[in-house]
Amino acid sequence: MSINNINGSRPPLSVRPPDTSQVSKAKDGFSELFDKTVNEVIKSQQQGEQAIYDLQSGKAQNLHEVMIAVEQADLSLRMMVQLRNKALEAYNEIMKMNI
């Protein structure tokens, strides 16, 4: 039984250094996006609180609009908490990786 040589193997790929110019732009973009989201949640919470105050003081007569403002504030806060949870899960997964 004869063993034939392996032919047609490719030469190794050349290794080039990673392009880090895009990394700083992405980092700034994420932090700006996160700050914007937090500010929108805070604004939504303030609007919900103001709607409740207006209803209590008699300025607002429409209970439906107050409930909508409160529910929007609740949903935005829940979304931000889920975003935080996912970011922490991703961070923990990265930290568990063996290098």
N, C-alpha and C. Protein backbone atom coordinates (compact mmCIF):
# COMPACT_ATOMS: atom_id res chain seq x y z
N MET A 1 0.84 -1.16 0.00
CA MET A 1 0.00 0.00 0.00
C MET A 1 0.89 1.24 0.00
N SER A 2 0.67 2.08 -0.97
CA SER A 2 1.51 3.29 -1.07
C SER A 2 0.72 4.51 -0.61
N ILE A 3 1.42 5.45 -0.02
CA ILE A 3 0.80 6.68 0.46
C ILE A 3 1.23 7.80 -0.46
N ASN A 4 0.24 8.50 -1.00
CA ASN A 4 0.53 9.60 -1.92
C ASN A 4 0.77 10.91 -1.15
N ASN A 5 1.56 11.77 -1.74
CA ASN A 5 1.82 13.09 -1.15
C ASN A 5 0.57 13.96 -1.23
N ILE A 6 0.47 14.88 -0.31
CA ILE A 6 -0.63 15.85 -0.35
C ILE A 6 -0.18 17.00 -1.23
N ASN A 7 -0.93 17.25 -2.27
CA ASN A 7 -0.60 18.33 -3.20
C ASN A 7 -1.69 19.39 -3.19
N GLY A 8 -1.34 20.54 -3.60
CA GLY A 8 -2.32 21.59 -3.77
C GLY A 8 -2.64 22.37 -2.50
N SER A 9 -1.79 22.27 -1.51
CA SER A 9 -2.07 23.06 -0.30
C SER A 9 -1.76 24.52 -0.58
N ARG A 10 -2.50 25.36 0.06
CA ARG A 10 -2.35 26.80 -0.15
C ARG A 10 -1.25 27.36 0.75
N PRO A 11 -0.61 28.43 0.30
CA PRO A 11 0.37 29.06 1.20
C PRO A 11 -0.37 29.77 2.34
N PRO A 12 0.28 29.93 3.47
CA PRO A 12 -0.40 30.59 4.58
C PRO A 12 -0.78 32.03 4.24
N LEU A 13 -1.88 32.47 4.82
CA LEU A 13 -2.33 33.83 4.58
C LEU A 13 -1.42 34.81 5.31
N SER A 14 -1.25 35.96 4.69
CA SER A 14 -0.43 36.98 5.34
C SER A 14 -1.23 37.62 6.46
N VAL A 15 -0.55 37.95 7.53
CA VAL A 15 -1.20 38.54 8.69
C VAL A 15 -0.95 40.04 8.65
N ARG A 16 -2.02 40.80 8.75
CA ARG A 16 -1.87 42.25 8.78
C ARG A 16 -2.40 42.77 10.11
N PRO A 17 -1.88 43.87 10.57
CA PRO A 17 -2.35 44.41 11.85
C PRO A 17 -3.79 44.89 11.73
N PRO A 18 -4.58 44.79 12.80
CA PRO A 18 -5.98 45.21 12.74
C PRO A 18 -6.10 46.72 12.56
N ASP A 19 -7.17 47.12 11.89
CA ASP A 19 -7.44 48.53 11.67
C ASP A 19 -8.17 49.07 12.90
N THR A 20 -7.50 49.89 13.69
CA THR A 20 -8.09 50.40 14.93
C THR A 20 -8.74 51.77 14.76
N SER A 21 -8.72 52.32 13.55
CA SER A 21 -9.30 53.65 13.36
C SER A 21 -10.82 53.62 13.54
N GLN A 22 -11.47 52.51 13.20
CA GLN A 22 -12.92 52.40 13.33
C GLN A 22 -13.35 52.11 14.76
N VAL A 23 -12.46 51.57 15.58
CA VAL A 23 -12.81 51.20 16.95
C VAL A 23 -13.17 52.43 17.76
N SER A 24 -12.40 53.48 17.67
CA SER A 24 -12.68 54.68 18.47
C SER A 24 -13.99 55.33 18.02
N LYS A 25 -14.28 55.29 16.73
CA LYS A 25 -15.54 55.85 16.24
C LYS A 25 -16.73 55.04 16.76
N ALA A 26 -16.59 53.72 16.78
CA ALA A 26 -17.69 52.88 17.26
C ALA A 26 -17.91 53.08 18.75
N LYS A 27 -16.85 53.23 19.51
CA LYS A 27 -16.98 53.42 20.94
C LYS A 27 -17.73 54.72 21.23
N ASP A 28 -17.35 55.79 20.54
CA ASP A 28 -18.03 57.06 20.74
C ASP A 28 -19.49 56.95 20.34
N GLY A 29 -19.78 56.24 19.26
CA GLY A 29 -21.16 56.08 18.80
C GLY A 29 -22.01 55.34 19.80
N PHE A 30 -21.48 54.29 20.41
CA PHE A 30 -22.27 53.52 21.38
C PHE A 30 -22.52 54.34 22.64
N SER A 31 -21.49 55.03 23.11
CA SER A 31 -21.68 55.80 24.33
C SER A 31 -22.66 56.94 24.11
N GLU A 32 -22.59 57.57 22.93
CA GLU A 32 -23.56 58.63 22.62
C GLU A 32 -24.97 58.06 22.53
N LEU A 33 -25.11 56.90 21.90
CA LEU A 33 -26.42 56.26 21.78
C LEU A 33 -26.96 55.90 23.16
N PHE A 34 -26.12 55.38 24.02
CA PHE A 34 -26.55 54.99 25.36
C PHE A 34 -26.96 56.23 26.17
N ASP A 35 -26.16 57.29 26.08
CA ASP A 35 -26.50 58.53 26.79
C ASP A 35 -27.82 59.10 26.29
N LYS A 36 -28.02 59.06 24.99
CA LYS A 36 -29.27 59.56 24.41
C LYS A 36 -30.45 58.74 24.91
N THR A 37 -30.30 57.43 24.97
CA THR A 37 -31.37 56.56 25.45
C THR A 37 -31.69 56.83 26.91
N VAL A 38 -30.68 56.99 27.72
CA VAL A 38 -30.90 57.29 29.14
C VAL A 38 -31.63 58.62 29.29
N ASN A 39 -31.21 59.62 28.53
CA ASN A 39 -31.87 60.92 28.61
C ASN A 39 -33.33 60.86 28.16
N GLU A 40 -33.62 60.05 27.14
CA GLU A 40 -35.00 59.88 26.69
C GLU A 40 -35.85 59.19 27.76
N VAL A 41 -35.28 58.23 28.45
CA VAL A 41 -36.00 57.53 29.53
C VAL A 41 -36.29 58.51 30.67
N ILE A 42 -35.31 59.32 31.02
CA ILE A 42 -35.51 60.31 32.07
C ILE A 42 -36.61 61.29 31.68
N LYS A 43 -36.58 61.74 30.43
CA LYS A 43 -37.60 62.67 29.94
C LYS A 43 -38.98 62.03 29.97
N SER A 44 -39.06 60.77 29.58
CA SER A 44 -40.33 60.05 29.59
C SER A 44 -40.85 59.90 31.02
N GLN A 45 -39.96 59.60 31.96
CA GLN A 45 -40.36 59.49 33.36
C GLN A 45 -40.89 60.83 33.89
N GLN A 46 -40.22 61.90 33.52
CA GLN A 46 -40.65 63.23 33.96
C GLN A 46 -42.01 63.59 33.37
N GLN A 47 -42.22 63.23 32.10
CA GLN A 47 -43.52 63.50 31.48
C GLN A 47 -44.63 62.71 32.16
N GLY A 48 -44.34 61.46 32.52
CA GLY A 48 -45.32 60.65 33.22
C GLY A 48 -45.66 61.23 34.59
N GLU A 49 -44.63 61.66 35.30
CA GLU A 49 -44.86 62.28 36.61
C GLU A 49 -45.64 63.58 36.49
N GLN A 50 -45.32 64.37 35.46
CA GLN A 50 -46.04 65.63 35.25
C GLN A 50 -47.50 65.37 34.91
N ALA A 51 -47.77 64.33 34.12
CA ALA A 51 -49.15 63.99 33.76
C ALA A 51 -49.94 63.59 35.01
N ILE A 52 -49.32 62.83 35.89
CA ILE A 52 -49.98 62.44 37.14
C ILE A 52 -50.24 63.68 38.00
N TYR A 53 -49.26 64.56 38.11
CA TYR A 53 -49.43 65.78 38.90
C TYR A 53 -50.56 66.64 38.33
N ASP A 54 -50.59 66.77 36.98
CA ASP A 54 -51.65 67.56 36.35
C ASP A 54 -53.03 66.96 36.61
N LEU A 55 -53.13 65.65 36.61
CA LEU A 55 -54.41 65.00 36.89
C LEU A 55 -54.83 65.24 38.35
N GLN A 56 -53.87 65.13 39.25
CA GLN A 56 -54.17 65.35 40.66
C GLN A 56 -54.57 66.79 40.96
N SER A 57 -53.95 67.73 40.26
CA SER A 57 -54.23 69.14 40.53
C SER A 57 -55.44 69.66 39.74
N GLY A 58 -55.97 68.83 38.86
CA GLY A 58 -57.16 69.22 38.11
C GLY A 58 -56.87 69.88 36.78
N LYS A 59 -55.60 70.00 36.41
CA LYS A 59 -55.24 70.61 35.13
C LYS A 59 -55.59 69.69 33.96
N ALA A 60 -55.45 68.41 34.16
CA ALA A 60 -55.74 67.43 33.11
C ALA A 60 -57.04 66.72 33.44
N GLN A 61 -57.91 66.60 32.46
CA GLN A 61 -59.20 65.95 32.66
C GLN A 61 -59.26 64.58 31.99
N ASN A 62 -58.32 64.32 31.09
CA ASN A 62 -58.37 63.09 30.32
C ASN A 62 -57.48 62.03 30.99
N LEU A 63 -58.10 61.08 31.62
CA LEU A 63 -57.39 60.01 32.31
C LEU A 63 -56.62 59.13 31.33
N HIS A 64 -57.16 58.98 30.11
CA HIS A 64 -56.51 58.11 29.12
C HIS A 64 -55.13 58.64 28.74
N GLU A 65 -55.01 59.93 28.55
CA GLU A 65 -53.71 60.50 28.20
C GLU A 65 -52.71 60.34 29.33
N VAL A 66 -53.19 60.47 30.56
CA VAL A 66 -52.31 60.28 31.71
C VAL A 66 -51.82 58.83 31.77
N MET A 67 -52.73 57.90 31.56
CA MET A 67 -52.34 56.48 31.59
C MET A 67 -51.38 56.15 30.46
N ILE A 68 -51.59 56.73 29.30
CA ILE A 68 -50.67 56.48 28.17
C ILE A 68 -49.28 57.01 28.50
N ALA A 69 -49.20 58.21 29.08
CA ALA A 69 -47.89 58.78 29.44
C ALA A 69 -47.19 57.92 30.49
N VAL A 70 -47.95 57.43 31.46
CA VAL A 70 -47.36 56.58 32.51
C VAL A 70 -46.90 55.25 31.92
N GLU A 71 -47.68 54.67 31.05
CA GLU A 71 -47.29 53.39 30.43
C GLU A 71 -46.08 53.57 29.52
N GLN A 72 -46.00 54.69 28.80
CA GLN A 72 -44.82 54.93 27.96
C GLN A 72 -43.58 55.05 28.82
N ALA A 73 -43.70 55.73 29.96
CA ALA A 73 -42.57 55.85 30.87
C ALA A 73 -42.16 54.48 31.41
N ASP A 74 -43.14 53.66 31.75
CA ASP A 74 -42.87 52.31 32.26
C ASP A 74 -42.17 51.45 31.21
N LEU A 75 -42.67 51.49 29.98
CA LEU A 75 -42.08 50.68 28.92
C LEU A 75 -40.66 51.14 28.59
N SER A 76 -40.44 52.44 28.58
CA SER A 76 -39.10 52.92 28.27
C SER A 76 -38.11 52.53 29.37
N LEU A 77 -38.54 52.56 30.62
CA LEU A 77 -37.67 52.14 31.71
C LEU A 77 -37.38 50.64 31.62
N ARG A 78 -38.39 49.85 31.33
CA ARG A 78 -38.18 48.40 31.19
C ARG A 78 -37.22 48.10 30.04
N MET A 79 -37.36 48.84 28.93
CA MET A 79 -36.47 48.63 27.79
C MET A 79 -35.03 48.96 28.17
N MET A 80 -34.83 50.04 28.91
CA MET A 80 -33.49 50.41 29.31
C MET A 80 -32.89 49.37 30.25
N VAL A 81 -33.69 48.83 31.15
CA VAL A 81 -33.20 47.79 32.06
C VAL A 81 -32.80 46.55 31.27
N GLN A 82 -33.60 46.17 30.28
CA GLN A 82 -33.25 45.01 29.45
C GLN A 82 -31.98 45.28 28.65
N LEU A 83 -31.82 46.49 28.15
CA LEU A 83 -30.60 46.85 27.43
C LEU A 83 -29.39 46.73 28.35
N ARG A 84 -29.52 47.20 29.57
CA ARG A 84 -28.44 47.08 30.55
C ARG A 84 -28.13 45.62 30.84
N ASN A 85 -29.18 44.80 31.01
CA ASN A 85 -28.98 43.38 31.29
C ASN A 85 -28.25 42.68 30.15
N LYS A 86 -28.64 42.98 28.92
CA LYS A 86 -27.98 42.36 27.77
C LYS A 86 -26.53 42.81 27.66
N ALA A 87 -26.27 44.09 27.93
CA ALA A 87 -24.89 44.58 27.89
C ALA A 87 -24.04 43.90 28.96
N LEU A 88 -24.60 43.72 30.15
CA LEU A 88 -23.86 43.04 31.22
C LEU A 88 -23.62 41.57 30.88
N GLU A 89 -24.61 40.91 30.29
CA GLU A 89 -24.43 39.52 29.87
C GLU A 89 -23.32 39.41 28.83
N ALA A 90 -23.32 40.32 27.88
CA ALA A 90 -22.28 40.29 26.85
C ALA A 90 -20.90 40.53 27.47
N TYR A 91 -20.82 41.48 28.37
CA TYR A 91 -19.55 41.76 29.06
C TYR A 91 -19.07 40.54 29.83
N ASN A 92 -19.98 39.90 30.56
CA ASN A 92 -19.60 38.71 31.33
C ASN A 92 -19.15 37.58 30.43
N GLU A 93 -19.80 37.40 29.29
CA GLU A 93 -19.38 36.36 28.35
C GLU A 93 -17.99 36.65 27.81
N ILE A 94 -17.72 37.91 27.51
CA ILE A 94 -16.39 38.27 27.01
C ILE A 94 -15.34 38.02 28.08
N MET A 95 -15.66 38.34 29.33
CA MET A 95 -14.70 38.15 30.41
C MET A 95 -14.44 36.67 30.69
N LYS A 96 -15.39 35.79 30.37
CA LYS A 96 -15.21 34.35 30.59
C LYS A 96 -14.35 33.70 29.52
N MET A 97 -14.17 34.39 28.39
CA MET A 97 -13.41 33.81 27.28
C MET A 97 -11.95 33.62 27.67
N ASN A 98 -11.41 32.49 27.26
CA ASN A 98 -9.99 32.22 27.48
C ASN A 98 -9.20 32.79 26.32
N ILE A 99 -8.12 33.45 26.67
CA ILE A 99 -7.28 34.05 25.62
C ILE A 99 -6.01 33.25 25.49
